[in-house]
Amino acid sequence: MRKPVSLELRPDIYYWVRRREPSSDLEVARVSAVFGEDPDYWTVTRAGSDVHHMLDEFEFLAEVMPPTVAGQSGTIR
């Protein structure tokens, strides 16, 4: 059994996720607030798809960090 990970999710941030089903692979997904700013309305969009999924369909493992570039900082959008 996998150890649960506790993350403070935020909209418009990319995360490493895994679907909550046997033998699922790691994926990159974004938390979306398109349906409302309240966390009850947040959804998940997987990289390469515009289909929205419920948060509880995924296990959130870690935030995807932007690459480090000398002299620049920013977020992935």
PDB file of N, CA and C in Angstrom:
ATOM      1  N   MET A   1       0.834  -1.183   0.000  1.00  0.00           N
ATOM      2  CA  MET A   1       0.000   0.000   0.000  1.00  0.00           C
ATOM      3  C   MET A   1       0.881   1.250   0.000  1.00  0.00           C
ATOM      4  N   ARG A   2       0.497   2.241  -0.792  1.00  0.00           N
ATOM      5  CA  ARG A   2       1.266   3.474  -0.886  1.00  0.00           C
ATOM      6  C   ARG A   2       1.026   4.367   0.325  1.00  0.00           C
ATOM      7  N   LYS A   3       2.086   5.045   0.742  1.00  0.00           N
ATOM      8  CA  LYS A   3       1.967   5.999   1.833  1.00  0.00           C
ATOM      9  C   LYS A   3       1.290   7.263   1.305  1.00  0.00           C
ATOM     10  N   PRO A   4       0.233   7.767   1.975  1.00  0.00           N
ATOM     11  CA  PRO A   4      -0.438   8.972   1.490  1.00  0.00           C
ATOM     12  C   PRO A   4       0.478  10.191   1.561  1.00  0.00           C
ATOM     13  N   VAL A   5       0.324  11.081   0.602  1.00  0.00           N
ATOM     14  CA  VAL A   5       1.101  12.313   0.543  1.00  0.00           C
ATOM     15  C   VAL A   5       0.160  13.461   0.846  1.00  0.00           C
ATOM     16  N   SER A   6       0.610  14.387   1.674  1.00  0.00           N
ATOM     17  CA  SER A   6      -0.224  15.537   2.011  1.00  0.00           C
ATOM     18  C   SER A   6       0.360  16.780   1.345  1.00  0.00           C
ATOM     19  N   LEU A   7      -0.384  17.337   0.395  1.00  0.00           N
ATOM     20  CA  LEU A   7       0.033  18.558  -0.291  1.00  0.00           C
ATOM     21  C   LEU A   7      -1.064  19.598  -0.152  1.00  0.00           C
ATOM     22  N   GLU A   8      -0.676  20.852  -0.080  1.00  0.00           N
ATOM     23  CA  GLU A   8      -1.651  21.935  -0.123  1.00  0.00           C
ATOM     24  C   GLU A   8      -1.839  22.292  -1.595  1.00  0.00           C
ATOM     25  N   LEU A   9      -2.936  21.827  -2.181  1.00  0.00           N
ATOM     26  CA  LEU A   9      -3.181  22.049  -3.603  1.00  0.00           C
ATOM     27  C   LEU A   9      -3.556  23.500  -3.862  1.00  0.00           C
ATOM     28  N   ARG A  10      -3.120  23.990  -5.023  1.00  0.00           N
ATOM     29  CA  ARG A  10      -3.441  25.350  -5.454  1.00  0.00           C
ATOM     30  C   ARG A  10      -3.817  25.301  -6.925  1.00  0.00           C
ATOM     31  N   PRO A  11      -4.783  26.131  -7.339  1.00  0.00           N
ATOM     32  CA  PRO A  11      -5.165  26.140  -8.753  1.00  0.00           C
ATOM     33  C   PRO A  11      -4.044  26.681  -9.639  1.00  0.00           C
ATOM     34  N   ASP A  12      -4.056  26.223 -10.886  1.00  0.00           N
ATOM     35  CA  ASP A  12      -3.100  26.629 -11.916  1.00  0.00           C
ATOM     36  C   ASP A  12      -1.670  26.190 -11.631  1.00  0.00           C
ATOM     37  N   ILE A  13      -1.514  25.206 -10.769  1.00  0.00           N
ATOM     38  CA  ILE A  13      -0.207  24.627 -10.474  1.00  0.00           C
ATOM     39  C   ILE A  13      -0.202  23.196 -11.014  1.00  0.00           C
ATOM     40  N   TYR A  14       0.942  22.796 -11.562  1.00  0.00           N
ATOM     41  CA  TYR A  14       1.097  21.440 -12.089  1.00  0.00           C
ATOM     42  C   TYR A  14       1.650  20.518 -11.003  1.00  0.00           C
ATOM     43  N   TYR A  15       1.163  19.279 -11.007  1.00  0.00           N
ATOM     44  CA  TYR A  15       1.564  18.282 -10.015  1.00  0.00           C
ATOM     45  C   TYR A  15       1.854  16.950 -10.699  1.00  0.00           C
ATOM     46  N   TRP A  16       2.747  16.178 -10.068  1.00  0.00           N
ATOM     47  CA  TRP A  16       2.889  14.776 -10.434  1.00  0.00           C
ATOM     48  C   TRP A  16       1.737  14.054  -9.758  1.00  0.00           C
ATOM     49  N   VAL A  17       0.977  13.293 -10.539  1.00  0.00           N
ATOM     50  CA  VAL A  17      -0.192  12.591 -10.011  1.00  0.00           C
ATOM     51  C   VAL A  17      -0.192  11.142 -10.485  1.00  0.00           C
ATOM     52  N   ARG A  18      -1.024  10.350  -9.816  1.00  0.00           N
ATOM     53  CA  ARG A  18      -1.265   8.972 -10.230  1.00  0.00           C
ATOM     54  C   ARG A  18      -2.753   8.717 -10.032  1.00  0.00           C
ATOM     55  N   ARG A  19      -3.398   8.152 -11.048  1.00  0.00           N
ATOM     56  CA  ARG A  19      -4.820   7.810 -10.914  1.00  0.00           C
ATOM     57  C   ARG A  19      -4.985   6.796  -9.796  1.00  0.00           C
ATOM     58  N   ARG A  20      -6.082   6.863  -9.103  1.00  0.00           N
ATOM     59  CA  ARG A  20      -6.355   5.936  -7.991  1.00  0.00           C
ATOM     60  C   ARG A  20      -6.942   4.635  -8.537  1.00  0.00           C
ATOM     61  N   GLU A  21      -6.152   3.935  -9.307  1.00  0.00           N
ATOM     62  CA  GLU A  21      -6.539   2.623  -9.822  1.00  0.00           C
ATOM     63  C   GLU A  21      -5.274   1.786  -9.934  1.00  0.00           C
ATOM     64  N   PRO A  22      -5.404   0.480  -9.857  1.00  0.00           N
ATOM     65  CA  PRO A  22      -4.223  -0.385  -9.888  1.00  0.00           C
ATOM     66  C   PRO A  22      -3.376  -0.175 -11.147  1.00  0.00           C
ATOM     67  N   SER A  23      -2.090  -0.264 -10.966  1.00  0.00           N
ATOM     68  CA  SER A  23      -1.116  -0.205 -12.064  1.00  0.00           C
ATOM     69  C   SER A  23      -1.158   1.091 -12.858  1.00  0.00           C
ATOM     70  N   SER A  24      -1.554   2.191 -12.250  1.00  0.00           N
ATOM     71  CA  SER A  24      -1.572   3.460 -12.981  1.00  0.00           C
ATOM     72  C   SER A  24      -0.176   4.075 -12.990  1.00  0.00           C
ATOM     73  N   ASP A  25       0.117   4.809 -14.052  1.00  0.00           N
ATOM     74  CA  ASP A  25       1.418   5.443 -14.228  1.00  0.00           C
ATOM     75  C   ASP A  25       1.411   6.866 -13.687  1.00  0.00           C
ATOM     76  N   LEU A  26       2.600   7.401 -13.459  1.00  0.00           N
ATOM     77  CA  LEU A  26       2.727   8.805 -13.083  1.00  0.00           C
ATOM     78  C   LEU A  26       2.368   9.681 -14.272  1.00  0.00           C
ATOM     79  N   GLU A  27       1.715  10.801 -13.996  1.00  0.00           N
ATOM     80  CA  GLU A  27       1.335  11.764 -15.026  1.00  0.00           C
ATOM     81  C   GLU A  27       1.541  13.167 -14.472  1.00  0.00           C
ATOM     82  N   VAL A  28       1.558  14.135 -15.364  1.00  0.00           N
ATOM     83  CA  VAL A  28       1.561  15.541 -14.965  1.00  0.00           C
ATOM     84  C   VAL A  28       0.155  16.067 -15.188  1.00  0.00           C
ATOM     85  N   ALA A  29      -0.379  16.757 -14.176  1.00  0.00           N
ATOM     86  CA  ALA A  29      -1.737  17.298 -14.266  1.00  0.00           C
ATOM     87  C   ALA A  29      -1.775  18.665 -13.588  1.00  0.00           C
ATOM     88  N   ARG A  30      -2.779  19.452 -13.955  1.00  0.00           N
ATOM     89  CA  ARG A  30      -2.939  20.803 -13.409  1.00  0.00           C
ATOM     90  C   ARG A  30      -4.254  20.892 -12.658  1.00  0.00           C
ATOM     91  N   VAL A  31      -4.219  21.523 -11.494  1.00  0.00           N
ATOM     92  CA  VAL A  31      -5.448  21.795 -10.751  1.00  0.00           C
ATOM     93  C   VAL A  31      -6.090  23.026 -11.381  1.00  0.00           C
ATOM     94  N   SER A  32      -7.361  22.909 -11.723  1.00  0.00           N
ATOM     95  CA  SER A  32      -8.086  23.970 -12.420  1.00  0.00           C
ATOM     96  C   SER A  32      -9.203  24.530 -11.547  1.00  0.00           C
ATOM     97  N   ALA A  33      -9.372  25.855 -11.592  1.00  0.00           N
ATOM     98  CA  ALA A  33     -10.467  26.525 -10.882  1.00  0.00           C
ATOM     99  C   ALA A  33     -11.453  27.121 -11.878  1.00  0.00           C
ATOM    100  N   VAL A  34     -11.527  26.554 -13.079  1.00  0.00           N
ATOM    101  CA  VAL A  34     -12.385  27.094 -14.131  1.00  0.00           C
ATOM    102  C   VAL A  34     -13.862  27.091 -13.728  1.00  0.00           C
ATOM    103  N   PHE A  35     -14.270  26.179 -12.862  1.00  0.00           N
ATOM    104  CA  PHE A  35     -15.676  26.092 -12.456  1.00  0.00           C
ATOM    105  C   PHE A  35     -15.971  26.845 -11.163  1.00  0.00           C
ATOM    106  N   GLY A  36     -14.957  27.449 -10.558  1.00  0.00           N
ATOM    107  CA  GLY A  36     -15.151  28.231  -9.343  1.00  0.00           C
ATOM    108  C   GLY A  36     -13.902  28.254  -8.487  1.00  0.00           C
ATOM    109  N   GLU A  37     -13.725  29.334  -7.740  1.00  0.00           N
ATOM    110  CA  GLU A  37     -12.539  29.511  -6.903  1.00  0.00           C
ATOM    111  C   GLU A  37     -12.573  28.677  -5.623  1.00  0.00           C
ATOM    112  N   ASP A  38     -13.753  28.256  -5.196  1.00  0.00           N
ATOM    113  CA  ASP A  38     -13.874  27.426  -3.999  1.00  0.00           C
ATOM    114  C   ASP A  38     -13.296  26.044  -4.301  1.00  0.00           C
ATOM    115  N   PRO A  39     -12.454  25.493  -3.414  1.00  0.00           N
ATOM    116  CA  PRO A  39     -11.855  24.173  -3.661  1.00  0.00           C
ATOM    117  C   PRO A  39     -12.860  23.063  -3.969  1.00  0.00           C
ATOM    118  N   ASP A  40     -14.107  23.219  -3.537  1.00  0.00           N
ATOM    119  CA  ASP A  40     -15.129  22.216  -3.863  1.00  0.00           C
ATOM    120  C   ASP A  40     -15.396  22.132  -5.363  1.00  0.00           C
ATOM    121  N   TYR A  41     -15.030  23.171  -6.108  1.00  0.00           N
ATOM    122  CA  TYR A  41     -15.278  23.215  -7.552  1.00  0.00           C
ATOM    123  C   TYR A  41     -14.022  22.963  -8.391  1.00  0.00           C
ATOM    124  N   TRP A  42     -12.897  22.761  -7.754  1.00  0.00           N
ATOM    125  CA  TRP A  42     -11.662  22.518  -8.486  1.00  0.00           C
ATOM    126  C   TRP A  42     -11.712  21.166  -9.184  1.00  0.00           C
ATOM    127  N   THR A  43     -11.039  21.106 -10.316  1.00  0.00           N
ATOM    128  CA  THR A  43     -10.932  19.865 -11.078  1.00  0.00           C
ATOM    129  C   THR A  43      -9.470  19.648 -11.469  1.00  0.00           C
ATOM    130  N   VAL A  44      -9.226  18.556 -12.164  1.00  0.00           N
ATOM    131  CA  VAL A  44      -7.882  18.206 -12.618  1.00  0.00           C
ATOM    132  C   VAL A  44      -7.912  18.028 -14.126  1.00  0.00           C
ATOM    133  N   THR A  45      -6.954  18.647 -14.818  1.00  0.00           N
ATOM    134  CA  THR A  45      -6.772  18.386 -16.249  1.00  0.00           C
ATOM    135  C   THR A  45      -5.396  17.751 -16.426  1.00  0.00           C
ATOM    136  N   ARG A  46      -5.369  16.650 -17.142  1.00  0.00           N
ATOM    137  CA  ARG A  46      -4.113  15.955 -17.398  1.00  0.00           C
ATOM    138  C   ARG A  46      -3.409  16.601 -18.578  1.00  0.00           C
ATOM    139  N   ALA A  47      -2.087  16.542 -18.570  1.00  0.00           N
ATOM    140  CA  ALA A  47      -1.294  17.111 -19.655  1.00  0.00           C
ATOM    141  C   ALA A  47      -1.737  16.515 -20.987  1.00  0.00           C
ATOM    142  N   GLY A  48      -1.989  17.382 -21.964  1.00  0.00           N
ATOM    143  CA  GLY A  48      -2.397  16.939 -23.288  1.00  0.00           C
ATOM    144  C   GLY A  48      -3.882  16.709 -23.445  1.00  0.00           C
ATOM    145  N   SER A  49      -4.681  17.061 -22.439  1.00  0.00           N
ATOM    146  CA  SER A  49      -6.121  16.832 -22.496  1.00  0.00           C
ATOM    147  C   SER A  49      -6.859  18.045 -21.947  1.00  0.00           C
ATOM    148  N   ASP A  50      -8.063  18.280 -22.460  1.00  0.00           N
ATOM    149  CA  ASP A  50      -8.893  19.354 -21.906  1.00  0.00           C
ATOM    150  C   ASP A  50     -10.068  18.783 -21.113  1.00  0.00           C
ATOM    151  N   VAL A  51     -10.036  17.481 -20.841  1.00  0.00           N
ATOM    152  CA  VAL A  51     -11.078  16.823 -20.052  1.00  0.00           C
ATOM    153  C   VAL A  51     -10.816  17.099 -18.569  1.00  0.00           C
ATOM    154  N   HIS A  52     -11.862  17.479 -17.845  1.00  0.00           N
ATOM    155  CA  HIS A  52     -11.744  17.764 -16.417  1.00  0.00           C
ATOM    156  C   HIS A  52     -12.171  16.549 -15.605  1.00  0.00           C
ATOM    157  N   HIS A  53     -11.384  16.235 -14.579  1.00  0.00           N
ATOM    158  CA  HIS A  53     -11.630  15.108 -13.685  1.00  0.00           C
ATOM    159  C   HIS A  53     -11.775  15.634 -12.261  1.00  0.00           C
ATOM    160  N   MET A  54     -12.374  14.834 -11.404  1.00  0.00           N
ATOM    161  CA  MET A  54     -12.512  15.188  -9.996  1.00  0.00           C
ATOM    162  C   MET A  54     -11.172  14.981  -9.278  1.00  0.00           C
ATOM    163  N   LEU A  55     -10.901  15.822  -8.288  1.00  0.00           N
ATOM    164  CA  LEU A  55      -9.650  15.729  -7.537  1.00  0.00           C
ATOM    165  C   LEU A  55      -9.454  14.354  -6.910  1.00  0.00           C
ATOM    166  N   ASP A  56     -10.528  13.773  -6.402  1.00  0.00           N
ATOM    167  CA  ASP A  56     -10.386  12.505  -5.679  1.00  0.00           C
ATOM    168  C   ASP A  56     -10.097  11.303  -6.579  1.00  0.00           C
ATOM    169  N   GLU A  57     -10.039  11.523  -7.890  1.00  0.00           N
ATOM    170  CA  GLU A  57      -9.665  10.446  -8.810  1.00  0.00           C
ATOM    171  C   GLU A  57      -8.153  10.250  -8.866  1.00  0.00           C
ATOM    172  N   PHE A  58      -7.406  11.166  -8.222  1.00  0.00           N
ATOM    173  CA  PHE A  58      -5.951  11.156  -8.325  1.00  0.00           C
ATOM    174  C   PHE A  58      -5.288  11.202  -6.960  1.00  0.00           C
ATOM    175  N   GLU A  59      -4.091  10.646  -6.927  1.00  0.00           N
ATOM    176  CA  GLU A  59      -3.196  10.777  -5.788  1.00  0.00           C
ATOM    177  C   GLU A  59      -2.166  11.835  -6.195  1.00  0.00           C
ATOM    178  N   PHE A  60      -2.054  12.905  -5.440  1.00  0.00           N
ATOM    179  CA  PHE A  60      -1.123  13.991  -5.743  1.00  0.00           C
ATOM    180  C   PHE A  60       0.188  13.712  -5.022  1.00  0.00           C
ATOM    181  N   LEU A  61       1.275  13.601  -5.797  1.00  0.00           N
ATOM    182  CA  LEU A  61       2.550  13.173  -5.240  1.00  0.00           C
ATOM    183  C   LEU A  61       3.509  14.321  -4.966  1.00  0.00           C
ATOM    184  N   ALA A  62       3.593  15.283  -5.884  1.00  0.00           N
ATOM    185  CA  ALA A  62       4.522  16.403  -5.709  1.00  0.00           C
ATOM    186  C   ALA A  62       4.204  17.491  -6.721  1.00  0.00           C
ATOM    187  N   GLU A  63       4.541  18.715  -6.358  1.00  0.00           N
ATOM    188  CA  GLU A  63       4.394  19.836  -7.291  1.00  0.00           C
ATOM    189  C   GLU A  63       5.502  19.743  -8.336  1.00  0.00           C
ATOM    190  N   VAL A  64       5.170  20.033  -9.579  1.00  0.00           N
ATOM    191  CA  VAL A  64       6.174  20.086 -10.638  1.00  0.00           C
ATOM    192  C   VAL A  64       6.872  21.434 -10.514  1.00  0.00           C
ATOM    193  N   MET A  65       8.157  21.399 -10.293  1.00  0.00           N
ATOM    194  CA  MET A  65       8.923  22.630 -10.120  1.00  0.00           C
ATOM    195  C   MET A  65       9.436  23.120 -11.468  1.00  0.00           C
ATOM    196  N   PRO A  66       9.394  24.444 -11.696  1.00  0.00           N
ATOM    197  CA  PRO A  66       9.915  24.975 -12.954  1.00  0.00           C
ATOM    198  C   PRO A  66      11.433  24.790 -13.016  1.00  0.00           C
ATOM    199  N   PRO A  67      11.976  24.689 -14.215  1.00  0.00           N
ATOM    200  CA  PRO A  67      13.428  24.542 -14.337  1.00  0.00           C
ATOM    201  C   PRO A  67      14.134  25.805 -13.855  1.00  0.00           C
ATOM    202  N   THR A  68      15.329  25.633 -13.344  1.00  0.00           N
ATOM    203  CA  THR A  68      16.123  26.771 -12.903  1.00  0.00           C
ATOM    204  C   THR A  68      16.930  27.291 -14.082  1.00  0.00           C
ATOM    205  N   VAL A  69      16.751  28.574 -14.373  1.00  0.00           N
ATOM    206  CA  VAL A  69      17.497  29.225 -15.447  1.00  0.00           C
ATOM    207  C   VAL A  69      18.221  30.405 -14.820  1.00  0.00           C
ATOM    208  N   ALA A  70      19.507  30.533 -15.076  1.00  0.00           N
ATOM    209  CA  ALA A  70      20.296  31.605 -14.476  1.00  0.00           C
ATOM    210  C   ALA A  70      19.664  32.967 -14.749  1.00  0.00           C
ATOM    211  N   GLY A  71      19.417  33.718 -13.683  1.00  0.00           N
ATOM    212  CA  GLY A  71      18.881  35.071 -13.819  1.00  0.00           C
ATOM    213  C   GLY A  71      17.383  35.145 -14.002  1.00  0.00           C
ATOM    214  N   GLN A  72      16.681  34.016 -13.999  1.00  0.00           N
ATOM    215  CA  GLN A  72      15.233  34.028 -14.189  1.00  0.00           C
ATOM    216  C   GLN A  72      14.564  33.170 -13.130  1.00  0.00           C
ATOM    217  N   SER A  73      13.360  33.567 -12.785  1.00  0.00           N
ATOM    218  CA  SER A  73      12.526  32.727 -11.933  1.00  0.00           C
ATOM    219  C   SER A  73      11.103  32.881 -12.417  1.00  0.00           C
ATOM    220  N   GLY A  74      10.280  31.899 -12.148  1.00  0.00           N
ATOM    221  CA  GLY A  74       8.901  31.982 -12.616  1.00  0.00           C
ATOM    222  C   GLY A  74       8.154  30.705 -12.322  1.00  0.00           C
ATOM    223  N   THR A  75       6.935  30.662 -12.804  1.00  0.00           N
ATOM    224  CA  THR A  75       6.108  29.482 -12.613  1.00  0.00           C
ATOM    225  C   THR A  75       5.736  28.914 -13.963  1.00  0.00           C
ATOM    226  N   ILE A  76       5.362  27.666 -13.967  1.00  0.00           N
ATOM    227  CA  ILE A  76       4.908  27.008 -15.186  1.00  0.00           C
ATOM    228  C   ILE A  76       3.460  27.380 -15.404  1.00  0.00           C
ATOM    229  N   ARG A  77       3.121  27.841 -16.571  1.00  0.00           N
ATOM    230  CA  ARG A  77       1.741  28.207 -16.906  1.00  0.00           C
ATOM    231  C   ARG A  77       1.327  27.508 -18.170  1.00  0.00           C
TER     232      ARG A  77
END
